[in-house]
Amino acid sequence: MAIGAFGTAYMFAVLVEPLANLVVLAPAKTLSAPNGSGFATRRLHNAA
């Protein structure tokens, strides 16, 4: 039982978390102006 719960939590972290990050970051990148409006930093638009 514990192994199955661990496997489920691990797969959630591996598969769902990156998709959730994209869902949050994509609108943030499109809604903020690259001139530094304060909503997002310049690094969001100019990756290292």
PDB file of N, CA and C in Angstrom:
ATOM      1  N   MET A   1       0.824  -1.196   0.000  1.00  0.00           N
ATOM      2  CA  MET A   1       0.000   0.000   0.000  1.00  0.00           C
ATOM      3  C   MET A   1       0.867   1.258   0.000  1.00  0.00           C
ATOM      4  N   ALA A   2       1.895   1.281   0.839  1.00  0.00           N
ATOM      5  CA  ALA A   2       2.746   2.461   0.932  1.00  0.00           C
ATOM      6  C   ALA A   2       3.557   2.658  -0.348  1.00  0.00           C
ATOM      7  N   ILE A   3       3.939   1.564  -0.969  1.00  0.00           N
ATOM      8  CA  ILE A   3       4.714   1.671  -2.210  1.00  0.00           C
ATOM      9  C   ILE A   3       3.850   2.269  -3.315  1.00  0.00           C
ATOM     10  N   GLY A   4       2.596   1.865  -3.382  1.00  0.00           N
ATOM     11  CA  GLY A   4       1.682   2.423  -4.375  1.00  0.00           C
ATOM     12  C   GLY A   4       1.424   3.904  -4.160  1.00  0.00           C
ATOM     13  N   ALA A   5       1.295   4.318  -2.908  1.00  0.00           N
ATOM     14  CA  ALA A   5       1.085   5.730  -2.604  1.00  0.00           C
ATOM     15  C   ALA A   5       2.315   6.548  -2.985  1.00  0.00           C
ATOM     16  N   PHE A   6       3.485   6.011  -2.706  1.00  0.00           N
ATOM     17  CA  PHE A   6       4.717   6.702  -3.089  1.00  0.00           C
ATOM     18  C   PHE A   6       4.820   6.809  -4.605  1.00  0.00           C
ATOM     19  N   GLY A   7       4.524   5.726  -5.299  1.00  0.00           N
ATOM     20  CA  GLY A   7       4.587   5.743  -6.758  1.00  0.00           C
ATOM     21  C   GLY A   7       3.612   6.746  -7.356  1.00  0.00           C
ATOM     22  N   THR A   8       2.414   6.828  -6.784  1.00  0.00           N
ATOM     23  CA  THR A   8       1.430   7.795  -7.274  1.00  0.00           C
ATOM     24  C   THR A   8       1.898   9.221  -7.046  1.00  0.00           C
ATOM     25  N   ALA A   9       2.417   9.510  -5.875  1.00  0.00           N
ATOM     26  CA  ALA A   9       2.913  10.850  -5.575  1.00  0.00           C
ATOM     27  C   ALA A   9       4.107  11.205  -6.461  1.00  0.00           C
ATOM     28  N   TYR A  10       4.977  10.245  -6.697  1.00  0.00           N
ATOM     29  CA  TYR A  10       6.149  10.483  -7.537  1.00  0.00           C
ATOM     30  C   TYR A  10       5.740  10.788  -8.982  1.00  0.00           C
ATOM     31  N   MET A  11       4.811  10.006  -9.508  1.00  0.00           N
ATOM     32  CA  MET A  11       4.354  10.236 -10.884  1.00  0.00           C
ATOM     33  C   MET A  11       3.620  11.569 -10.996  1.00  0.00           C
ATOM     34  N   PHE A  12       2.904  11.959  -9.951  1.00  0.00           N
ATOM     35  CA  PHE A  12       2.255  13.267  -9.944  1.00  0.00           C
ATOM     36  C   PHE A  12       3.303  14.366 -10.052  1.00  0.00           C
ATOM     37  N   ALA A  13       4.367  14.249  -9.270  1.00  0.00           N
ATOM     38  CA  ALA A  13       5.419  15.263  -9.288  1.00  0.00           C
ATOM     39  C   ALA A  13       6.140  15.296 -10.627  1.00  0.00           C
ATOM     40  N   VAL A  14       6.342  14.146 -11.234  1.00  0.00           N
ATOM     41  CA  VAL A  14       7.086  14.079 -12.496  1.00  0.00           C
ATOM     42  C   VAL A  14       6.236  14.542 -13.674  1.00  0.00           C
ATOM     43  N   LEU A  15       4.970  14.188 -13.700  1.00  0.00           N
ATOM     44  CA  LEU A  15       4.131  14.458 -14.865  1.00  0.00           C
ATOM     45  C   LEU A  15       3.274  15.718 -14.737  1.00  0.00           C
ATOM     46  N   VAL A  16       2.676  15.946 -13.608  1.00  0.00           N
ATOM     47  CA  VAL A  16       1.696  17.020 -13.487  1.00  0.00           C
ATOM     48  C   VAL A  16       2.339  18.354 -13.124  1.00  0.00           C
ATOM     49  N   GLU A  17       3.351  18.350 -12.297  1.00  0.00           N
ATOM     50  CA  GLU A  17       3.949  19.608 -11.868  1.00  0.00           C
ATOM     51  C   GLU A  17       4.524  20.435 -13.018  1.00  0.00           C
ATOM     52  N   PRO A  18       5.267  19.858 -13.965  1.00  0.00           N
ATOM     53  CA  PRO A  18       5.746  20.681 -15.083  1.00  0.00           C
ATOM     54  C   PRO A  18       4.610  21.280 -15.911  1.00  0.00           C
ATOM     55  N   LEU A  19       3.526  20.541 -16.083  1.00  0.00           N
ATOM     56  CA  LEU A  19       2.384  21.084 -16.815  1.00  0.00           C
ATOM     57  C   LEU A  19       1.738  22.229 -16.044  1.00  0.00           C
ATOM     58  N   ALA A  20       1.651  22.098 -14.737  1.00  0.00           N
ATOM     59  CA  ALA A  20       1.100  23.175 -13.918  1.00  0.00           C
ATOM     60  C   ALA A  20       1.979  24.422 -14.003  1.00  0.00           C
ATOM     61  N   ASN A  21       3.280  24.237 -14.032  1.00  0.00           N
ATOM     62  CA  ASN A  21       4.189  25.378 -14.180  1.00  0.00           C
ATOM     63  C   ASN A  21       3.962  26.089 -15.503  1.00  0.00           C
ATOM     64  N   LEU A  22       3.769  25.341 -16.575  1.00  0.00           N
ATOM     65  CA  LEU A  22       3.502  25.959 -17.871  1.00  0.00           C
ATOM     66  C   LEU A  22       2.190  26.721 -17.868  1.00  0.00           C
ATOM     67  N   VAL A  23       1.192  26.166 -17.216  1.00  0.00           N
ATOM     68  CA  VAL A  23      -0.112  26.828 -17.149  1.00  0.00           C
ATOM     69  C   VAL A  23       0.000  28.164 -16.412  1.00  0.00           C
ATOM     70  N   VAL A  24       0.856  28.235 -15.424  1.00  0.00           N
ATOM     71  CA  VAL A  24       1.007  29.466 -14.653  1.00  0.00           C
ATOM     72  C   VAL A  24       1.949  30.444 -15.347  1.00  0.00           C
ATOM     73  N   LEU A  25       3.049  29.956 -15.900  1.00  0.00           N
ATOM     74  CA  LEU A  25       4.067  30.857 -16.446  1.00  0.00           C
ATOM     75  C   LEU A  25       3.736  31.398 -17.830  1.00  0.00           C
ATOM     76  N   ALA A  26       3.022  30.647 -18.650  1.00  0.00           N
ATOM     77  CA  ALA A  26       2.703  31.122 -19.994  1.00  0.00           C
ATOM     78  C   ALA A  26       1.858  32.400 -19.960  1.00  0.00           C
ATOM     79  N   PRO A  27       0.776  32.454 -19.196  1.00  0.00           N
ATOM     80  CA  PRO A  27       0.033  33.724 -19.129  1.00  0.00           C
ATOM     81  C   PRO A  27       0.841  34.855 -18.507  1.00  0.00           C
ATOM     82  N   ALA A  28       1.673  34.547 -17.534  1.00  0.00           N
ATOM     83  CA  ALA A  28       2.495  35.585 -16.912  1.00  0.00           C
ATOM     84  C   ALA A  28       3.450  36.190 -17.928  1.00  0.00           C
ATOM     85  N   LYS A  29       3.961  35.365 -18.807  1.00  0.00           N
ATOM     86  CA  LYS A  29       4.899  35.860 -19.812  1.00  0.00           C
ATOM     87  C   LYS A  29       4.186  36.689 -20.876  1.00  0.00           C
ATOM     88  N   THR A  30       2.975  36.310 -21.256  1.00  0.00           N
ATOM     89  CA  THR A  30       2.269  37.049 -22.295  1.00  0.00           C
ATOM     90  C   THR A  30       1.614  38.321 -21.762  1.00  0.00           C
ATOM     91  N   LEU A  31       1.216  38.341 -20.498  1.00  0.00           N
ATOM     92  CA  LEU A  31       0.529  39.503 -19.950  1.00  0.00           C
ATOM     93  C   LEU A  31       1.468  40.618 -19.527  1.00  0.00           C
ATOM     94  N   SER A  32       2.693  40.302 -19.226  1.00  0.00           N
ATOM     95  CA  SER A  32       3.609  41.341 -18.755  1.00  0.00           C
ATOM     96  C   SER A  32       4.407  41.909 -19.911  1.00  0.00           C
ATOM     97  N   ALA A  33       4.635  43.174 -19.841  1.00  0.00           N
ATOM     98  CA  ALA A  33       5.415  43.856 -20.874  1.00  0.00           C
ATOM     99  C   ALA A  33       6.900  43.650 -20.615  1.00  0.00           C
ATOM    100  N   PRO A  34       7.700  43.505 -21.672  1.00  0.00           N
ATOM    101  CA  PRO A  34       9.138  43.290 -21.464  1.00  0.00           C
ATOM    102  C   PRO A  34       9.876  44.530 -20.967  1.00  0.00           C
ATOM    103  N   ASN A  35       9.212  45.668 -20.872  1.00  0.00           N
ATOM    104  CA  ASN A  35       9.899  46.884 -20.432  1.00  0.00           C
ATOM    105  C   ASN A  35      10.004  46.994 -18.919  1.00  0.00           C
ATOM    106  N   GLY A  36       9.615  45.958 -18.184  1.00  0.00           N
ATOM    107  CA  GLY A  36       9.753  45.974 -16.733  1.00  0.00           C
ATOM    108  C   GLY A  36       8.601  46.674 -16.054  1.00  0.00           C
ATOM    109  N   SER A  37       7.395  46.272 -16.352  1.00  0.00           N
ATOM    110  CA  SER A  37       6.219  46.920 -15.780  1.00  0.00           C
ATOM    111  C   SER A  37       6.048  46.612 -14.303  1.00  0.00           C
ATOM    112  N   GLY A  38       6.827  45.716 -13.750  1.00  0.00           N
ATOM    113  CA  GLY A  38       6.706  45.367 -12.354  1.00  0.00           C
ATOM    114  C   GLY A  38       5.975  44.060 -12.135  1.00  0.00           C
ATOM    115  N   PHE A  39       5.216  43.597 -13.118  1.00  0.00           N
ATOM    116  CA  PHE A  39       4.498  42.332 -12.969  1.00  0.00           C
ATOM    117  C   PHE A  39       5.464  41.159 -13.018  1.00  0.00           C
ATOM    118  N   ALA A  40       6.465  41.250 -13.851  1.00  0.00           N
ATOM    119  CA  ALA A  40       7.466  40.193 -13.969  1.00  0.00           C
ATOM    120  C   ALA A  40       8.829  40.836 -14.189  1.00  0.00           C
ATOM    121  N   THR A  41       9.847  40.116 -13.832  1.00  0.00           N
ATOM    122  CA  THR A  41      11.192  40.643 -14.013  1.00  0.00           C
ATOM    123  C   THR A  41      11.642  40.482 -15.457  1.00  0.00           C
ATOM    124  N   ARG A  42      12.687  41.168 -15.808  1.00  0.00           N
ATOM    125  CA  ARG A  42      13.216  41.113 -17.162  1.00  0.00           C
ATOM    126  C   ARG A  42      13.741  39.710 -17.504  1.00  0.00           C
ATOM    127  N   ARG A  43      14.182  38.968 -16.483  1.00  0.00           N
ATOM    128  CA  ARG A  43      14.736  37.644 -16.711  1.00  0.00           C
ATOM    129  C   ARG A  43      13.697  36.668 -17.281  1.00  0.00           C
ATOM    130  N   LEU A  44      12.414  36.911 -17.007  1.00  0.00           N
ATOM    131  CA  LEU A  44      11.373  36.066 -17.554  1.00  0.00           C
ATOM    132  C   LEU A  44      11.369  36.123 -19.074  1.00  0.00           C
ATOM    133  N   HIS A  45      11.679  37.278 -19.637  1.00  0.00           N
ATOM    134  CA  HIS A  45      11.667  37.448 -21.088  1.00  0.00           C
ATOM    135  C   HIS A  45      13.028  37.197 -21.719  1.00  0.00           C
ATOM    136  N   ASN A  46      14.101  37.392 -20.983  1.00  0.00           N
ATOM    137  CA  ASN A  46      15.450  37.199 -21.493  1.00  0.00           C
ATOM    138  C   ASN A  46      16.127  36.110 -20.680  1.00  0.00           C
ATOM    139  N   ALA A  47      15.934  34.878 -21.103  1.00  0.00           N
ATOM    140  CA  ALA A  47      16.523  33.767 -20.353  1.00  0.00           C
ATOM    141  C   ALA A  47      18.037  33.795 -20.418  1.00  0.00           C
ATOM    142  N   ALA A  48      18.661  33.259 -19.412  1.00  0.00           N
ATOM    143  CA  ALA A  48      20.121  33.246 -19.339  1.00  0.00           C
ATOM    144  C   ALA A  48      20.704  32.291 -20.362  1.00  0.00           C
TER     145      ALA A  48
END
